[in-house]
C-alpha atoms as a PDB file:
ATOM      1  CA  UNK A   1      -8.188 -20.684  19.438  1.00  0.00           C
ATOM      2  CA  UNK A   2      -6.433 -19.098  16.656  1.00  0.00           C
ATOM      3  CA  UNK A   3      -8.067 -17.765  13.549  1.00  0.00           C
ATOM      4  CA  UNK A   4      -6.290 -20.491  11.344  1.00  0.00           C
ATOM      5  CA  UNK A   5      -7.722 -23.227  13.681  1.00  0.00           C
ATOM      6  CA  UNK A   6     -11.066 -21.737  13.324  1.00  0.00           C
ATOM      7  CA  UNK A   7     -11.067 -21.757   9.494  1.00  0.00           C
ATOM      8  CA  UNK A   8      -9.114 -25.034   9.419  1.00  0.00           C
ATOM      9  CA  UNK A   9      -6.159 -23.411   7.503  1.00  0.00           C
ATOM     10  CA  UNK A  10      -2.585 -24.750   8.444  1.00  0.00           C
ATOM     11  CA  UNK A  11      -0.200 -22.456  10.100  1.00  0.00           C
ATOM     12  CA  UNK A  12       2.375 -20.987   8.111  1.00  0.00           C
ATOM     13  CA  UNK A  13       5.807 -22.923   8.528  1.00  0.00           C
ATOM     14  CA  UNK A  14       9.175 -21.562   7.281  1.00  0.00           C
ATOM     15  CA  UNK A  15      12.895 -21.836   8.263  1.00  0.00           C
ATOM     16  CA  UNK A  16      13.575 -19.342  11.027  1.00  0.00           C
ATOM     17  CA  UNK A  17      16.242 -17.578   8.966  1.00  0.00           C
ATOM     18  CA  UNK A  18      13.301 -16.902   6.240  1.00  0.00           C
ATOM     19  CA  UNK A  19      11.135 -15.521   8.754  1.00  0.00           C
ATOM     20  CA  UNK A  20      13.525 -13.077  10.024  1.00  0.00           C
ATOM     21  CA  UNK A  21      14.401 -12.090   6.537  1.00  0.00           C
ATOM     22  CA  UNK A  22      10.845 -11.370   5.660  1.00  0.00           C
ATOM     23  CA  UNK A  23      10.058  -9.643   8.979  1.00  0.00           C
ATOM     24  CA  UNK A  24      13.219  -7.307   8.457  1.00  0.00           C
ATOM     25  CA  UNK A  25      12.194  -6.636   4.983  1.00  0.00           C
ATOM     26  CA  UNK A  26       8.488  -5.859   5.695  1.00  0.00           C
ATOM     27  CA  UNK A  27       9.608  -3.506   8.883  1.00  0.00           C
ATOM     28  CA  UNK A  28      12.341  -1.804   6.759  1.00  0.00           C
ATOM     29  CA  UNK A  29       9.770  -1.166   3.973  1.00  0.00           C
ATOM     30  CA  UNK A  30       6.922  -0.149   6.130  1.00  0.00           C
ATOM     31  CA  UNK A  31       8.994   2.572   8.132  1.00  0.00           C
ATOM     32  CA  UNK A  32      11.064   3.659   4.761  1.00  0.00           C
ATOM     33  CA  UNK A  33       7.903   4.184   2.928  1.00  0.00           C
ATOM     34  CA  UNK A  34       6.165   5.987   5.726  1.00  0.00           C
ATOM     35  CA  UNK A  35       9.267   8.228   6.079  1.00  0.00           C
ATOM     36  CA  UNK A  36       9.722   8.811   2.507  1.00  0.00           C
ATOM     37  CA  UNK A  37       5.939   9.794   2.131  1.00  0.00           C
ATOM     38  CA  UNK A  38       6.272  12.260   4.890  1.00  0.00           C
ATOM     39  CA  UNK A  39       9.329  13.693   3.587  1.00  0.00           C
ATOM     40  CA  UNK A  40       7.571  14.664   0.260  1.00  0.00           C
ATOM     41  CA  UNK A  41       4.216  15.447   1.867  1.00  0.00           C
ATOM     42  CA  UNK A  42       4.301  16.542   5.561  1.00  0.00           C
ATOM     43  CA  UNK A  43       1.165  16.516   7.481  1.00  0.00           C
ATOM     44  CA  UNK A  44       0.715  20.407   7.378  1.00  0.00           C
ATOM     45  CA  UNK A  45       0.877  20.234   3.490  1.00  0.00           C
ATOM     46  CA  UNK A  46      -1.776  17.564   3.080  1.00  0.00           C
ATOM     47  CA  UNK A  47      -4.830  18.915   0.976  1.00  0.00           C
ATOM     48  CA  UNK A  48      -3.022  22.041   0.257  1.00  0.00           C
ATOM     49  CA  UNK A  49      -0.641  21.200  -2.421  1.00  0.00           C
ATOM     50  CA  UNK A  50      -0.367  18.353  -4.998  1.00  0.00           C
ATOM     51  CA  UNK A  51       2.665  16.172  -4.608  1.00  0.00           C
ATOM     52  CA  UNK A  52       3.755  14.157  -7.430  1.00  0.00           C
ATOM     53  CA  UNK A  53       7.184  13.475  -6.465  1.00  0.00           C
ATOM     54  CA  UNK A  54       9.003  10.845  -4.474  1.00  0.00           C
ATOM     55  CA  UNK A  55       6.811   7.857  -3.503  1.00  0.00           C
ATOM     56  CA  UNK A  56       3.808   9.866  -4.898  1.00  0.00           C
ATOM     57  CA  UNK A  57       5.177   9.558  -8.416  1.00  0.00           C
ATOM     58  CA  UNK A  58       4.614   5.917  -8.345  1.00  0.00           C
ATOM     59  CA  UNK A  59       1.431   5.698  -6.057  1.00  0.00           C
ATOM     60  CA  UNK A  60      -1.288   8.176  -4.956  1.00  0.00           C
ATOM     61  CA  UNK A  61      -1.394   6.672  -1.508  1.00  0.00           C
ATOM     62  CA  UNK A  62       2.021   5.382  -0.338  1.00  0.00           C
ATOM     63  CA  UNK A  63       1.158   5.781   3.317  1.00  0.00           C
ATOM     64  CA  UNK A  64      -1.784   3.606   2.981  1.00  0.00           C
ATOM     65  CA  UNK A  65       0.059   1.058   0.916  1.00  0.00           C
ATOM     66  CA  UNK A  66       2.648   0.513   3.744  1.00  0.00           C
ATOM     67  CA  UNK A  67      -0.212  -0.358   6.091  1.00  0.00           C
ATOM     68  CA  UNK A  68      -1.955  -2.630   3.682  1.00  0.00           C
ATOM     69  CA  UNK A  69       1.217  -4.332   2.072  1.00  0.00           C
ATOM     70  CA  UNK A  70       3.869  -4.319   4.622  1.00  0.00           C
ATOM     71  CA  UNK A  71       1.776  -3.944   7.719  1.00  0.00           C
ATOM     72  CA  UNK A  72      -0.204  -6.998   6.684  1.00  0.00           C
ATOM     73  CA  UNK A  73       2.983  -9.065   5.939  1.00  0.00           C
ATOM     74  CA  UNK A  74       4.198  -8.206   9.492  1.00  0.00           C
ATOM     75  CA  UNK A  75       1.025  -9.190  11.098  1.00  0.00           C
ATOM     76  CA  UNK A  76       1.110 -12.474   9.071  1.00  0.00           C
ATOM     77  CA  UNK A  77       4.359 -13.332  10.124  1.00  0.00           C
ATOM     78  CA  UNK A  78       3.669 -12.500  13.654  1.00  0.00           C
ATOM     79  CA  UNK A  79       0.565 -14.537  13.718  1.00  0.00           C
ATOM     80  CA  UNK A  80       1.832 -17.276  11.320  1.00  0.00           C
ATOM     81  CA  UNK A  81      -1.913 -17.524   9.870  1.00  0.00           C
ATOM     82  CA  UNK A  82      -2.680 -17.820   6.257  1.00  0.00           C
ATOM     83  CA  UNK A  83      -6.133 -16.496   7.313  1.00  0.00           C
ATOM     84  CA  UNK A  84      -4.516 -12.958   7.994  1.00  0.00           C
ATOM     85  CA  UNK A  85      -2.732 -13.174   4.588  1.00  0.00           C
ATOM     86  CA  UNK A  86      -6.140 -13.595   2.788  1.00  0.00           C
ATOM     87  CA  UNK A  87      -7.317 -10.518   4.642  1.00  0.00           C
ATOM     88  CA  UNK A  88      -5.203  -8.235   2.444  1.00  0.00           C
ATOM     89  CA  UNK A  89      -8.016  -8.534  -0.139  1.00  0.00           C
ATOM     90  CA  UNK A  90     -10.974  -7.021   1.992  1.00  0.00           C
ATOM     91  CA  UNK A  91      -8.425  -4.613   3.621  1.00  0.00           C
ATOM     92  CA  UNK A  92      -7.590  -3.231   0.196  1.00  0.00           C
ATOM     93  CA  UNK A  93     -11.171  -2.973  -0.526  1.00  0.00           C
ATOM     94  CA  UNK A  94     -11.982  -1.218   2.656  1.00  0.00           C
ATOM     95  CA  UNK A  95      -9.080   1.250   1.923  1.00  0.00           C
ATOM     96  CA  UNK A  96     -10.117   1.847  -1.637  1.00  0.00           C
ATOM     97  CA  UNK A  97     -13.518   2.632  -0.405  1.00  0.00           C
ATOM     98  CA  UNK A  98     -12.370   4.800   2.494  1.00  0.00           C
ATOM     99  CA  UNK A  99     -10.183   7.071   0.188  1.00  0.00           C
ATOM    100  CA  UNK A 100     -13.066   7.773  -2.274  1.00  0.00           C
ATOM    101  CA  UNK A 101     -13.770  11.073  -0.516  1.00  0.00           C
ATOM    102  CA  UNK A 102      -9.943  11.859  -0.326  1.00  0.00           C
ATOM    103  CA  UNK A 103      -9.742  11.477  -3.979  1.00  0.00           C
ATOM    104  CA  UNK A 104     -12.977  13.227  -4.720  1.00  0.00           C
ATOM    105  CA  UNK A 105     -11.509  16.301  -2.454  1.00  0.00           C
ATOM    106  CA  UNK A 106      -8.301  16.110  -4.523  1.00  0.00           C
ATOM    107  CA  UNK A 107     -10.218  16.212  -7.833  1.00  0.00           C
ATOM    108  CA  UNK A 108     -12.184  19.189  -6.819  1.00  0.00           C
ATOM    109  CA  UNK A 109      -9.176  21.020  -5.339  1.00  0.00           C
ATOM    110  CA  UNK A 110      -6.629  20.232  -8.114  1.00  0.00           C
ATOM    111  CA  UNK A 111      -8.869  19.190 -11.095  1.00  0.00           C
ATOM    112  CA  UNK A 112      -7.159  18.259 -14.225  1.00  0.00           C
ATOM    113  CA  UNK A 113      -3.788  18.041 -12.522  1.00  0.00           C
ATOM    114  CA  UNK A 114      -5.044  15.520 -10.081  1.00  0.00           C
ATOM    115  CA  UNK A 115      -6.757  13.632 -12.784  1.00  0.00           C
ATOM    116  CA  UNK A 116      -3.830  13.352 -14.913  1.00  0.00           C
ATOM    117  CA  UNK A 117      -2.003  12.135 -11.728  1.00  0.00           C
ATOM    118  CA  UNK A 118      -4.772   9.463 -11.347  1.00  0.00           C
ATOM    119  CA  UNK A 119      -4.203   8.145 -14.896  1.00  0.00           C
ATOM    120  CA  UNK A 120      -0.400   7.984 -14.500  1.00  0.00           C
ATOM    121  CA  UNK A 121      -0.294   6.296 -10.930  1.00  0.00           C
ATOM    122  CA  UNK A 122      -1.921   3.537  -9.148  1.00  0.00           C
ATOM    123  CA  UNK A 123      -3.853   3.819  -6.217  1.00  0.00           C
ATOM    124  CA  UNK A 124      -1.706   1.415  -3.894  1.00  0.00           C
ATOM    125  CA  UNK A 125       0.740  -0.052  -6.282  1.00  0.00           C
ATOM    126  CA  UNK A 126       2.746   1.666  -9.026  1.00  0.00           C
ATOM    127  CA  UNK A 127       0.759   1.491 -12.447  1.00  0.00           C
ATOM    128  CA  UNK A 128       2.243  -0.969 -14.977  1.00  0.00           C
ATOM    129  CA  UNK A 129       2.137   0.862 -18.222  1.00  0.00           C
ATOM    130  CA  UNK A 130       2.218  -0.935 -21.635  1.00  0.00           C
ATOM    131  CA  UNK A 131       4.718   0.513 -24.019  1.00  0.00           C
ATOM    132  CA  UNK A 132       2.528   1.351 -26.905  1.00  0.00           C
ATOM    133  CA  UNK A 133       5.518   1.339 -29.257  1.00  0.00           C
ATOM    134  CA  UNK A 134       6.462  -2.184 -28.366  1.00  0.00           C
ATOM    135  CA  UNK A 135       4.502  -3.687 -31.205  1.00  0.00           C
ATOM    136  CA  UNK A 136       5.654  -1.317 -33.866  1.00  0.00           C
END
């Protein structure tokens, strides 16, 4: 019995061409984000220097973002289950909780520089900034 049947949710139904388009898009995004992230912050430099370039200029945790968003998209398409799609919320909450220690470490190590980085970037998604001069 599949997850969708257990929760009585209908399966995801879409044209085959759309399925392949989304699948390829998610796979490319997944691997491109991981490669781009590792180019700017190789494993040997993690926790040793504050990187605010490349994907880190947009998100503090682009590697986790790739797993949360593109990874979930791939699993949803493969399982064709709406239930898996709804799992992105608890998965995001888990990762936000999981990285609490990592962000505390970064604050201790890099102080105000990391605090400023936190103010300018989103945890998993780019932070949308409001143009303060727009209303003037």
